[in-house]
Protein backbone atom coordinates (compact mmCIF):
# COMPACT_ATOMS: atom_id res chain seq x y z
CA UNK A 1 -131.75 -139.38 -216.90
CA UNK A 2 -130.08 -139.85 -220.30
CA UNK A 3 -127.46 -137.74 -221.92
CA UNK A 4 -129.82 -136.35 -224.40
CA UNK A 5 -132.11 -135.17 -221.83
CA UNK A 6 -130.54 -132.36 -219.75
CA UNK A 7 -131.91 -131.56 -216.34
CA UNK A 8 -134.67 -129.04 -217.16
CA UNK A 9 -134.19 -127.26 -213.65
CA UNK A 10 -130.45 -126.50 -214.34
CA UNK A 11 -131.19 -125.42 -217.89
CA UNK A 12 -134.05 -123.27 -216.59
CA UNK A 13 -131.82 -121.82 -213.93
CA UNK A 14 -129.18 -120.82 -216.54
CA UNK A 15 -131.58 -119.06 -218.80
CA UNK A 16 -133.46 -117.50 -216.03
CA UNK A 17 -130.05 -116.03 -215.08
CA UNK A 18 -129.58 -114.64 -218.58
CA UNK A 19 -133.03 -112.97 -218.55
CA UNK A 20 -132.42 -111.56 -215.02
CA UNK A 21 -129.38 -109.82 -216.00
CA UNK A 22 -129.56 -107.80 -219.26
CA UNK A 23 -125.97 -107.18 -219.33
CA UNK A 24 -124.98 -110.93 -219.04
CA UNK A 25 -127.71 -111.66 -221.56
CA UNK A 26 -126.10 -109.00 -224.05
CA UNK A 27 -122.66 -110.49 -223.39
CA UNK A 28 -123.95 -113.95 -224.08
CA UNK A 29 -125.69 -113.16 -227.26
CA UNK A 30 -123.06 -110.67 -228.90
CA UNK A 31 -119.70 -112.00 -227.52
CA UNK A 32 -117.76 -112.83 -230.69
CA UNK A 33 -116.00 -116.01 -229.29
CA UNK A 34 -117.58 -119.33 -228.68
CA UNK A 35 -119.13 -119.63 -225.27
CA UNK A 36 -120.79 -122.82 -223.91
CA UNK A 37 -121.86 -124.55 -220.78
CA UNK A 38 -121.29 -128.29 -220.54
CA UNK A 39 -122.87 -130.37 -217.78
CA UNK A 40 -120.60 -133.23 -216.24
CA UNK A 41 -122.67 -136.16 -215.89
CA UNK A 42 -121.98 -138.69 -212.85
CA UNK A 43 -121.25 -141.42 -215.42
CA UNK A 44 -118.42 -139.45 -216.90
CA UNK A 45 -120.13 -138.09 -220.08
CA UNK A 46 -120.58 -134.57 -220.85
CA UNK A 47 -123.65 -132.89 -222.36
CA UNK A 48 -123.93 -129.41 -223.96
CA UNK A 49 -126.45 -127.45 -221.85
CA UNK A 50 -126.13 -124.05 -223.44
CA UNK A 51 -124.23 -122.50 -226.49
CA UNK A 52 -124.23 -118.71 -227.50
CA UNK A 53 -124.88 -117.90 -230.91
CA UNK A 54 -121.36 -117.81 -232.11
CA UNK A 55 -121.03 -121.49 -231.02
CA UNK A 56 -124.20 -122.38 -232.83
CA UNK A 57 -122.72 -120.56 -236.00
CA UNK A 58 -119.63 -122.47 -235.78
CA UNK A 59 -121.29 -125.90 -235.42
CA UNK A 60 -124.10 -125.17 -237.67
CA UNK A 61 -126.50 -127.34 -235.99
CA UNK A 62 -128.46 -127.81 -232.83
CA UNK A 63 -126.30 -129.07 -229.98
CA UNK A 64 -128.22 -128.19 -226.81
CA UNK A 65 -129.03 -131.23 -224.73
CA UNK A 66 -126.70 -133.57 -226.87
CA UNK A 67 -123.49 -135.39 -226.00
CA UNK A 68 -120.37 -134.03 -227.57
CA UNK A 69 -119.96 -137.38 -229.36
CA UNK A 70 -123.24 -136.89 -231.23
CA UNK A 71 -121.86 -134.05 -233.40
CA UNK A 72 -118.13 -134.77 -233.34
CA UNK A 73 -116.05 -137.60 -234.64
CA UNK A 74 -115.15 -140.19 -232.04
CA UNK A 75 -111.55 -139.34 -231.90
CA UNK A 76 -112.21 -135.55 -231.46
CA UNK A 77 -114.78 -136.34 -228.85
CA UNK A 78 -112.61 -138.36 -226.87
CA UNK A 79 -109.75 -135.85 -226.93
CA UNK A 80 -112.28 -133.17 -225.60
CA UNK A 81 -113.59 -135.58 -222.97
CA UNK A 82 -110.01 -136.13 -221.82
CA UNK A 83 -109.51 -132.37 -221.31
CA UNK A 84 -112.74 -132.06 -219.52
CA UNK A 85 -112.06 -134.85 -217.29
CA UNK A 86 -108.74 -133.30 -216.37
CA UNK A 87 -110.54 -130.06 -215.53
CA UNK A 88 -112.98 -131.85 -213.34
CA UNK A 89 -110.25 -133.93 -211.53
CA UNK A 90 -108.00 -130.84 -211.04
CA UNK A 91 -110.94 -128.67 -210.20
CA UNK A 92 -109.20 -125.57 -211.70
CA UNK A 93 -109.36 -123.63 -214.92
CA UNK A 94 -107.21 -125.02 -217.84
CA UNK A 95 -106.18 -123.40 -221.17
CA UNK A 96 -105.07 -125.19 -224.24
CA UNK A 97 -105.04 -125.29 -227.92
CA UNK A 98 -106.83 -128.12 -229.80
CA UNK A 99 -107.40 -129.35 -233.33
CA UNK A 100 -111.17 -130.01 -233.42
CA UNK A 101 -113.15 -131.76 -236.09
CA UNK A 102 -117.02 -131.71 -236.01
CA UNK A 103 -120.03 -132.44 -238.05
CA UNK A 104 -122.13 -129.63 -239.58
CA UNK A 105 -125.81 -129.98 -240.25
CA UNK A 106 -125.24 -131.59 -243.45
CA UNK A 107 -123.11 -134.14 -241.83
CA UNK A 108 -119.94 -132.81 -243.50
CA UNK A 109 -116.79 -133.00 -241.38
CA UNK A 110 -115.23 -129.49 -240.63
CA UNK A 111 -111.84 -128.97 -239.08
CA UNK A 112 -110.49 -125.94 -237.16
CA UNK A 113 -107.92 -125.04 -234.45
CA UNK A 114 -109.22 -123.43 -231.23
CA UNK A 115 -107.65 -121.69 -228.22
CA UNK A 116 -109.85 -122.87 -225.42
CA UNK A 117 -110.32 -121.92 -221.67
CA UNK A 118 -112.81 -124.03 -219.61
CA UNK A 119 -113.60 -123.29 -215.89
CA UNK A 120 -115.05 -125.76 -213.41
CA UNK A 121 -118.37 -124.78 -211.80
CA UNK A 122 -120.23 -126.19 -208.73
CA UNK A 123 -124.04 -126.29 -208.70
CA UNK A 124 -124.80 -129.17 -206.26
CA UNK A 125 -126.60 -128.18 -203.13
CA UNK A 126 -125.74 -131.48 -201.33
CA UNK A 127 -122.04 -131.60 -202.57
CA UNK A 128 -120.56 -128.24 -202.92
CA UNK A 129 -117.11 -129.63 -203.90
CA UNK A 130 -118.50 -131.63 -206.84
CA UNK A 131 -117.89 -130.16 -210.25
CA UNK A 132 -121.36 -130.12 -212.07
CA UNK A 133 -120.59 -127.88 -215.10
CA UNK A 134 -117.77 -126.67 -217.25
CA UNK A 135 -118.02 -123.07 -218.60
CA UNK A 136 -115.98 -122.72 -221.84
CA UNK A 137 -114.69 -119.93 -224.24
CA UNK A 138 -113.07 -120.87 -227.52
CA UNK A 139 -111.40 -118.65 -229.89
CA UNK A 140 -111.14 -119.83 -233.44
CA UNK A 141 -107.37 -119.52 -234.38
CA UNK A 142 -107.48 -121.55 -237.57
CA UNK A 143 -106.56 -118.55 -239.79
CA UNK A 144 -103.94 -117.60 -237.50
CA UNK A 145 -102.58 -121.00 -237.30
CA UNK A 146 -102.75 -121.52 -241.03
CA UNK A 147 -101.06 -118.20 -241.54
CA UNK A 148 -98.46 -119.13 -239.13
CA UNK A 149 -97.77 -122.62 -240.85
CA UNK A 150 -97.85 -120.86 -244.20
CA UNK A 151 -95.17 -118.37 -242.89
CA UNK A 152 -93.04 -121.24 -241.43
CA UNK A 153 -93.15 -123.04 -244.84
CA UNK A 154 -92.15 -119.76 -246.57
CA UNK A 155 -89.29 -119.38 -243.96
CA UNK A 156 -88.18 -122.85 -244.72
CA UNK A 157 -88.23 -122.09 -248.35
CA UNK A 158 -86.17 -118.99 -247.76
CA UNK A 159 -83.91 -120.74 -245.32
CA UNK A 160 -83.28 -123.37 -248.07
CA UNK A 161 -82.58 -120.57 -250.66
CA UNK A 162 -80.12 -118.99 -248.11
CA UNK A 163 -78.40 -122.33 -247.59
CA UNK A 164 -78.10 -122.78 -251.22
CA UNK A 165 -76.68 -119.26 -251.94
CA UNK A 166 -74.31 -119.58 -248.80
CA UNK A 167 -73.07 -122.88 -250.09
CA UNK A 168 -72.64 -121.16 -253.53
CA UNK A 169 -70.98 -118.14 -251.87
CA UNK A 170 -68.67 -120.60 -249.93
CA UNK A 171 -67.84 -122.39 -253.04
CA UNK A 172 -67.09 -119.23 -254.80
CA UNK A 173 -64.88 -117.98 -251.95
CA UNK A 174 -63.00 -121.40 -252.03
CA UNK A 175 -62.44 -120.98 -255.69
CA UNK A 176 -61.24 -117.52 -255.22
CA UNK A 177 -58.89 -118.46 -252.53
CA UNK A 178 -57.50 -121.21 -254.95
CA UNK A 179 -57.20 -118.63 -257.58
CA UNK A 180 -55.47 -116.23 -255.23
CA UNK A 181 -53.13 -118.96 -254.29
CA UNK A 182 -52.31 -119.79 -257.93
CA UNK A 183 -51.96 -115.98 -258.55
CA UNK A 184 -49.56 -115.71 -255.60
CA UNK A 185 -47.59 -118.82 -256.95
CA UNK A 186 -47.36 -117.06 -260.25
CA UNK A 187 -46.17 -113.77 -258.78
CA UNK A 188 -43.59 -115.47 -256.44
CA UNK A 189 -42.51 -118.65 -258.25
CA UNK A 190 -40.31 -119.16 -261.27
CA UNK A 191 -42.54 -120.76 -263.98
CA UNK A 192 -39.92 -123.23 -265.24
CA UNK A 193 -38.28 -124.54 -262.04
CA UNK A 194 -40.91 -123.92 -259.40
CA UNK A 195 -38.18 -121.98 -257.14
CA UNK A 196 -38.93 -118.56 -255.82
CA UNK A 197 -38.30 -116.03 -258.60
CA UNK A 198 -35.61 -113.25 -258.24
CA UNK A 199 -37.87 -110.57 -256.89
CA UNK A 200 -39.31 -112.88 -254.21
CA UNK A 201 -36.09 -114.45 -253.13
CA UNK A 202 -34.83 -111.07 -252.74
CA UNK A 203 -37.74 -109.87 -250.64
CA UNK A 204 -37.38 -113.08 -248.49
CA UNK A 205 -33.76 -112.78 -248.45
CA UNK A 206 -33.68 -109.28 -246.95
CA UNK A 207 -35.97 -110.34 -244.19
CA UNK A 208 -33.58 -113.04 -243.28
CA UNK A 209 -30.68 -110.65 -243.21
CA UNK A 210 -32.52 -108.29 -241.00
CA UNK A 211 -33.49 -111.02 -238.68
CA UNK A 212 -30.02 -112.33 -238.62
CA UNK A 213 -28.65 -108.99 -237.66
CA UNK A 214 -31.29 -108.30 -235.18
CA UNK A 215 -30.57 -111.63 -233.25
CA UNK A 216 -26.87 -111.73 -234.24
CA UNK A 217 -27.37 -115.19 -235.69
CA UNK A 218 -25.54 -116.66 -238.67
CA UNK A 219 -26.76 -116.44 -242.24
CA UNK A 220 -24.96 -117.92 -245.37
CA UNK A 221 -25.58 -117.55 -248.93
CA UNK A 222 -24.74 -119.89 -251.85
CA UNK A 223 -24.67 -118.85 -255.36
CA UNK A 224 -24.61 -121.59 -257.96
CA UNK A 225 -24.91 -122.10 -261.69
CA UNK A 226 -24.65 -124.99 -264.11
CA UNK A 227 -21.39 -125.73 -265.78
CA UNK A 228 -21.19 -125.45 -269.52
CA UNK A 229 -25.00 -124.51 -269.58
CA UNK A 230 -24.57 -122.41 -272.92
CA UNK A 231 -22.97 -125.45 -274.45
CA UNK A 232 -25.97 -127.55 -273.57
CA UNK A 233 -28.30 -124.99 -275.03
CA UNK A 234 -26.28 -124.49 -278.22
CA UNK A 235 -25.61 -128.20 -278.84
CA UNK A 236 -28.81 -130.07 -277.58
CA UNK A 237 -31.31 -127.13 -277.72
CA UNK A 238 -33.21 -125.06 -275.16
CA UNK A 239 -35.59 -127.74 -274.36
CA UNK A 240 -32.67 -129.92 -273.06
CA UNK A 241 -31.41 -126.86 -271.18
CA UNK A 242 -34.79 -126.32 -269.50
CA UNK A 243 -34.74 -130.06 -268.62
CA UNK A 244 -31.47 -129.59 -266.84
CA UNK A 245 -32.70 -126.46 -264.95
CA UNK A 246 -35.70 -128.47 -263.74
CA UNK A 247 -33.58 -131.50 -262.61
CA UNK A 248 -31.25 -129.23 -260.70
CA UNK A 249 -33.95 -127.25 -259.03
CA UNK A 250 -35.80 -130.50 -257.92
CA UNK A 251 -32.67 -131.90 -256.69
CA UNK A 252 -31.79 -128.80 -254.61
CA UNK A 253 -35.27 -128.58 -253.17
CA UNK A 254 -35.11 -132.19 -252.07
CA UNK A 255 -31.67 -131.60 -250.39
CA UNK A 256 -32.36 -128.34 -248.55
CA UNK A 257 -33.97 -127.96 -245.16
CA UNK A 258 -37.51 -126.46 -244.98
CA UNK A 259 -36.09 -123.33 -243.52
CA UNK A 260 -33.72 -122.75 -246.43
CA UNK A 261 -34.72 -120.44 -249.19
CA UNK A 262 -34.01 -121.31 -252.93
CA UNK A 263 -34.65 -118.99 -255.80
CA UNK A 264 -33.75 -118.76 -259.47
CA UNK A 265 -31.58 -115.66 -259.68
CA UNK A 266 -31.36 -115.49 -263.46
CA UNK A 267 -30.59 -117.72 -266.29
CA UNK A 268 -29.06 -120.83 -264.94
CA UNK A 269 -28.00 -119.20 -261.59
CA UNK A 270 -29.68 -119.95 -258.35
CA UNK A 271 -29.48 -118.22 -254.83
CA UNK A 272 -29.76 -120.29 -251.73
CA UNK A 273 -30.07 -118.84 -248.28
CA UNK A 274 -29.18 -120.82 -245.20
CA UNK A 275 -30.53 -119.37 -241.85
CA UNK A 276 -28.47 -120.41 -238.76
CA UNK A 277 -25.58 -121.59 -240.88
CA UNK A 278 -22.02 -120.26 -240.61
CA UNK A 279 -19.28 -120.39 -243.04
CA UNK A 280 -17.94 -123.97 -242.22
CA UNK A 281 -21.39 -125.65 -242.48
CA UNK A 282 -22.30 -123.78 -245.61
CA UNK A 283 -19.09 -124.79 -247.22
CA UNK A 284 -19.89 -128.43 -246.37
CA UNK A 285 -23.51 -127.88 -247.70
CA UNK A 286 -22.15 -126.66 -251.02
CA UNK A 287 -20.03 -129.66 -251.28
CA UNK A 288 -22.92 -132.03 -250.57
CA UNK A 289 -25.18 -130.16 -253.02
CA UNK A 290 -22.54 -130.43 -255.96
CA UNK A 291 -22.25 -134.28 -255.22
CA UNK A 292 -25.96 -134.84 -255.04
CA UNK A 293 -26.73 -132.77 -258.13
CA UNK A 294 -24.07 -134.49 -260.06
CA UNK A 295 -25.35 -137.93 -258.97
CA UNK A 296 -29.16 -137.50 -259.14
CA UNK A 297 -29.47 -134.78 -261.96
CA UNK A 298 -26.44 -135.71 -263.94
CA UNK A 299 -25.43 -132.03 -264.04
CA UNK A 300 -22.11 -130.51 -262.77
CA UNK A 301 -22.51 -127.22 -260.86
CA UNK A 302 -20.20 -124.64 -259.29
CA UNK A 303 -21.08 -122.92 -255.95
CA UNK A 304 -19.71 -119.76 -254.31
CA UNK A 305 -20.24 -119.35 -250.48
CA UNK A 306 -20.53 -116.19 -248.46
CA UNK A 307 -21.53 -115.45 -244.82
CA UNK A 308 -23.22 -112.49 -243.48
CA UNK A 309 -21.21 -109.62 -241.87
CA UNK A 310 -23.50 -108.23 -239.19
CA UNK A 311 -22.17 -104.71 -239.55
CA UNK A 312 -23.56 -102.95 -242.65
CA UNK A 313 -24.13 -106.14 -244.59
CA UNK A 314 -27.23 -106.31 -246.95
CA UNK A 315 -28.68 -109.02 -249.18
CA UNK A 316 -27.13 -107.38 -252.11
CA UNK A 317 -23.73 -107.25 -250.58
CA UNK A 318 -24.03 -110.88 -249.27
CA UNK A 319 -25.22 -112.22 -252.72
CA UNK A 320 -22.57 -110.24 -254.44
CA UNK A 321 -19.85 -111.88 -252.34
CA UNK A 322 -21.25 -115.28 -253.01
CA UNK A 323 -21.41 -114.43 -256.71
CA UNK A 324 -17.74 -113.44 -256.57
CA UNK A 325 -16.80 -116.70 -254.93
CA UNK A 326 -18.63 -118.54 -257.62
CA UNK A 327 -16.55 -116.81 -260.14
CA UNK A 328 -13.40 -117.67 -258.00
CA UNK A 329 -14.57 -121.35 -257.95
CA UNK A 330 -14.84 -121.53 -261.71
CA UNK A 331 -11.42 -120.05 -262.20
CA UNK A 332 -10.08 -122.64 -260.02
CA UNK A 333 -11.72 -125.45 -261.80
CA UNK A 334 -11.26 -124.22 -265.33
CA UNK A 335 -8.42 -121.92 -265.09
CA UNK A 336 -10.40 -118.92 -266.30
CA UNK A 337 -13.90 -117.52 -265.68
CA UNK A 338 -16.37 -119.98 -267.29
CA UNK A 339 -19.44 -117.89 -266.98
CA UNK A 340 -22.14 -118.79 -269.44
């Protein structure tokens, strides 16, 4: 018996069953999804034995009594055969989604996605275990699949836009942080020397005073200014004076510890706070700074030293004593106050 010539007894039996049961016949003719019966040939081929109207409408051509390969491309037919063989071998229903190509009655190739269920049937009186037929129901999910793919593409587009906007927002946040840092620098730093400005050195200094009092730890202050600074401005100009201030500030910043605080207190006057430093070490630091500034910046400075008194002292009183010691140092060096 050839593939194209189905067993008339089996086909008659199937149609007789439809005719004998009106409800089954109604279901077969009006079921909206594709239903089909495929005969499993002993040689491994599969022949369509019955197809409901929905299946006929999908294929658009007569398929009864024909092997699947006669109305489907070879690759599609082989993929379907593989599923059918799996169902026969396992002898249990299987469900899967497949991409199917088939030829319509004009010979044009059509494509679609199908959610298919195939069930093995046994119709061999001599061998009740042999799978003789496969009953299948296939639901066309092409529109659903296309809609899902379109949604995925749209999601990819949206995700790309979100990534772009997120990157732009991150860049804007980064630029804002840099701007805030610049603004903070402008608010806390002296524009000329780069040291803390007076307002900020006073804020930080008061914190150091409170910390030193709380932990009963030493804290010293140095008040210094440039000798004969007014003379430099009057004879060489303010540009020369500014350059001298920058050199002194740079030299001080290089010579001090990371924990030390340096601020421009006003004009040519600088305030330095030395945490954990007592009077003796502060005096030695003042001497070292005078020497380094003279050698590296080519500028003579005077320094006043004061150490925190833990009972009732404040930054204002500490800085005031250091300033008085600075005046005293100038009197000793010049015989009279030499405050520019």
